[in-house]
Amino acid sequence: MQLPEFRQALEDKLSAQSVARVLASAYDFQVAQNNNRTPRARYGTVKMTKEADAMWETVVSNILAGMSANSDRDILQRLADDEFIAMVEEGLEEINFTTEF
């Protein structure tokens, strides 16, 4: 399954609040990073939004990578499973973006 197709299917199943919380957290992280840049190097709002969306895309990509051994049909079946979606939403609640490695 391709990432854009998986992202759409996942976002359709997740609650809007879960996705919005991760995107808001990613945006807040980008704002904090931006404040550490010199004034001339700071990103505009559009660039920070794109960077936050790229962070969400990475999260979705990691979820898909964990399911890559499954067929497209199996992936869609997992996305239809309420327990799986609840588990993903719990995991999303624990996401914290930091610069630590």
C-alpha atoms as a PDB file:
ATOM      1  CA  MET A   1       0.000   0.000   0.000  1.00  0.00           C
ATOM      2  CA  GLN A   2       1.279   3.432  -0.898  1.00  0.00           C
ATOM      3  CA  LEU A   3       1.759   6.052   1.808  1.00  0.00           C
ATOM      4  CA  PRO A   4      -0.826   8.596   0.528  1.00  0.00           C
ATOM      5  CA  GLU A   5      -3.501   5.902   0.311  1.00  0.00           C
ATOM      6  CA  PHE A   6      -2.624   4.607   3.785  1.00  0.00           C
ATOM      7  CA  ARG A   7      -2.555   8.114   5.245  1.00  0.00           C
ATOM      8  CA  GLN A   8      -6.039   8.841   3.922  1.00  0.00           C
ATOM      9  CA  ALA A   9      -7.412   5.527   5.195  1.00  0.00           C
ATOM     10  CA  LEU A  10      -5.802   6.032   8.615  1.00  0.00           C
ATOM     11  CA  GLU A  11      -7.022   9.616   8.960  1.00  0.00           C
ATOM     12  CA  ASP A  12     -10.532   8.479   8.015  1.00  0.00           C
ATOM     13  CA  LYS A  13     -10.511   5.961  10.887  1.00  0.00           C
ATOM     14  CA  LEU A  14      -8.794   8.051  13.570  1.00  0.00           C
ATOM     15  CA  SER A  15     -10.676  10.660  15.521  1.00  0.00           C
ATOM     16  CA  ALA A  16     -10.147  14.185  14.256  1.00  0.00           C
ATOM     17  CA  GLN A  17      -8.969  15.144  17.741  1.00  0.00           C
ATOM     18  CA  SER A  18      -6.114  12.613  17.649  1.00  0.00           C
ATOM     19  CA  VAL A  19      -4.815  13.874  14.330  1.00  0.00           C
ATOM     20  CA  ALA A  20      -5.271  17.517  15.347  1.00  0.00           C
ATOM     21  CA  ARG A  21      -3.430  16.943  18.633  1.00  0.00           C
ATOM     22  CA  VAL A  22      -0.400  15.442  16.888  1.00  0.00           C
ATOM     23  CA  LEU A  23      -0.379  18.200  14.276  1.00  0.00           C
ATOM     24  CA  ALA A  24      -0.676  20.864  16.993  1.00  0.00           C
ATOM     25  CA  SER A  25       2.153  19.252  18.936  1.00  0.00           C
ATOM     26  CA  ALA A  26       4.307  19.147  15.801  1.00  0.00           C
ATOM     27  CA  TYR A  27       3.490  22.794  15.058  1.00  0.00           C
ATOM     28  CA  ASP A  28       4.353  23.812  18.635  1.00  0.00           C
ATOM     29  CA  PHE A  29       7.668  21.986  18.234  1.00  0.00           C
ATOM     30  CA  GLN A  30       8.320  23.889  14.999  1.00  0.00           C
ATOM     31  CA  VAL A  31       7.521  27.201  16.726  1.00  0.00           C
ATOM     32  CA  ALA A  32      10.004  26.371  19.496  1.00  0.00           C
ATOM     33  CA  GLN A  33      12.642  25.440  16.919  1.00  0.00           C
ATOM     34  CA  ASN A  34      11.890  28.616  14.985  1.00  0.00           C
ATOM     35  CA  ASN A  35      12.382  30.767  18.067  1.00  0.00           C
ATOM     36  CA  ASN A  36      15.924  29.381  18.350  1.00  0.00           C
ATOM     37  CA  ARG A  37      16.793  30.493  14.805  1.00  0.00           C
ATOM     38  CA  THR A  38      18.272  33.866  14.022  1.00  0.00           C
ATOM     39  CA  PRO A  39      15.638  36.388  12.942  1.00  0.00           C
ATOM     40  CA  ARG A  40      16.706  36.234   9.287  1.00  0.00           C
ATOM     41  CA  ALA A  41      16.609  32.419   9.257  1.00  0.00           C
ATOM     42  CA  ARG A  42      13.179  32.053  10.836  1.00  0.00           C
ATOM     43  CA  TYR A  43      10.484  30.222   8.951  1.00  0.00           C
ATOM     44  CA  GLY A  44       7.173  31.781   8.057  1.00  0.00           C
ATOM     45  CA  THR A  45       3.873  30.316   9.172  1.00  0.00           C
ATOM     46  CA  VAL A  46       3.383  28.403   5.921  1.00  0.00           C
ATOM     47  CA  LYS A  47       6.815  26.772   6.154  1.00  0.00           C
ATOM     48  CA  MET A  48       6.232  25.782   9.790  1.00  0.00           C
ATOM     49  CA  THR A  49       2.860  24.289   8.858  1.00  0.00           C
ATOM     50  CA  LYS A  50       4.500  22.283   6.069  1.00  0.00           C
ATOM     51  CA  GLU A  51       7.195  21.067   8.458  1.00  0.00           C
ATOM     52  CA  ALA A  52       4.561  20.025  11.017  1.00  0.00           C
ATOM     53  CA  ASP A  53       2.666  18.165   8.297  1.00  0.00           C
ATOM     54  CA  ALA A  54       5.910  16.430   7.293  1.00  0.00           C
ATOM     55  CA  MET A  55       6.317  15.315  10.904  1.00  0.00           C
ATOM     56  CA  TRP A  56       2.789  13.826  10.835  1.00  0.00           C
ATOM     57  CA  GLU A  57       3.664  12.148   7.535  1.00  0.00           C
ATOM     58  CA  THR A  58       6.676  10.557   9.263  1.00  0.00           C
ATOM     59  CA  VAL A  59       4.445   9.230  12.044  1.00  0.00           C
ATOM     60  CA  VAL A  60       2.052   7.745   9.472  1.00  0.00           C
ATOM     61  CA  SER A  61       4.988   6.302   7.526  1.00  0.00           C
ATOM     62  CA  ASN A  62       6.299   4.612  10.665  1.00  0.00           C
ATOM     63  CA  ILE A  63       2.893   3.054  11.329  1.00  0.00           C
ATOM     64  CA  LEU A  64       2.775   1.783   7.749  1.00  0.00           C
ATOM     65  CA  ALA A  65       6.327   0.428   8.024  1.00  0.00           C
ATOM     66  CA  GLY A  66       5.241  -1.603  11.036  1.00  0.00           C
ATOM     67  CA  MET A  67       2.499  -3.127   8.927  1.00  0.00           C
ATOM     68  CA  SER A  68       4.535  -3.592   5.746  1.00  0.00           C
ATOM     69  CA  ALA A  69       4.653  -7.383   6.060  1.00  0.00           C
ATOM     70  CA  ASN A  70       0.870  -7.461   5.588  1.00  0.00           C
ATOM     71  CA  SER A  71      -1.030  -7.346   2.318  1.00  0.00           C
ATOM     72  CA  ASP A  72      -3.088  -4.284   1.414  1.00  0.00           C
ATOM     73  CA  ARG A  73      -6.247  -6.215   2.267  1.00  0.00           C
ATOM     74  CA  ASP A  74      -4.860  -7.138   5.706  1.00  0.00           C
ATOM     75  CA  ILE A  75      -3.846  -3.540   6.354  1.00  0.00           C
ATOM     76  CA  LEU A  76      -7.346  -2.327   5.515  1.00  0.00           C
ATOM     77  CA  GLN A  77      -8.819  -5.013   7.786  1.00  0.00           C
ATOM     78  CA  ARG A  78      -6.593  -3.834  10.631  1.00  0.00           C
ATOM     79  CA  LEU A  79      -7.722  -0.267  10.048  1.00  0.00           C
ATOM     80  CA  ALA A  80     -11.324  -1.457  10.320  1.00  0.00           C
ATOM     81  CA  ASP A  81     -10.579  -3.049  13.714  1.00  0.00           C
ATOM     82  CA  ASP A  82     -11.726  -0.725  16.519  1.00  0.00           C
ATOM     83  CA  GLU A  83      -9.209  -2.196  18.973  1.00  0.00           C
ATOM     84  CA  PHE A  84      -6.336  -1.485  16.594  1.00  0.00           C
ATOM     85  CA  ILE A  85      -7.510   2.098  16.065  1.00  0.00           C
ATOM     86  CA  ALA A  86      -7.836   2.570  19.841  1.00  0.00           C
ATOM     87  CA  MET A  87      -4.279   1.276  20.263  1.00  0.00           C
ATOM     88  CA  VAL A  88      -2.989   3.682  17.593  1.00  0.00           C
ATOM     89  CA  GLU A  89      -4.822   6.597  19.223  1.00  0.00           C
ATOM     90  CA  GLU A  90      -3.288   5.708  22.596  1.00  0.00           C
ATOM     91  CA  GLY A  91       0.130   5.686  20.969  1.00  0.00           C
ATOM     92  CA  LEU A  92      -0.521   9.045  19.344  1.00  0.00           C
ATOM     93  CA  GLU A  93      -1.358  10.524  22.749  1.00  0.00           C
ATOM     94  CA  GLU A  94       2.134   9.600  23.924  1.00  0.00           C
ATOM     95  CA  ILE A  95       3.984  11.309  21.072  1.00  0.00           C
ATOM     96  CA  ASN A  96       6.303  14.062  22.219  1.00  0.00           C
ATOM     97  CA  PHE A  97       8.475  15.858  19.699  1.00  0.00           C
ATOM     98  CA  THR A  98      11.917  16.727  21.055  1.00  0.00           C
ATOM     99  CA  THR A  99      15.374  17.450  19.693  1.00  0.00           C
ATOM    100  CA  GLU A 100      16.922  14.748  21.876  1.00  0.00           C
ATOM    101  CA  PHE A 101      18.248  11.647  20.174  1.00  0.00           C
END
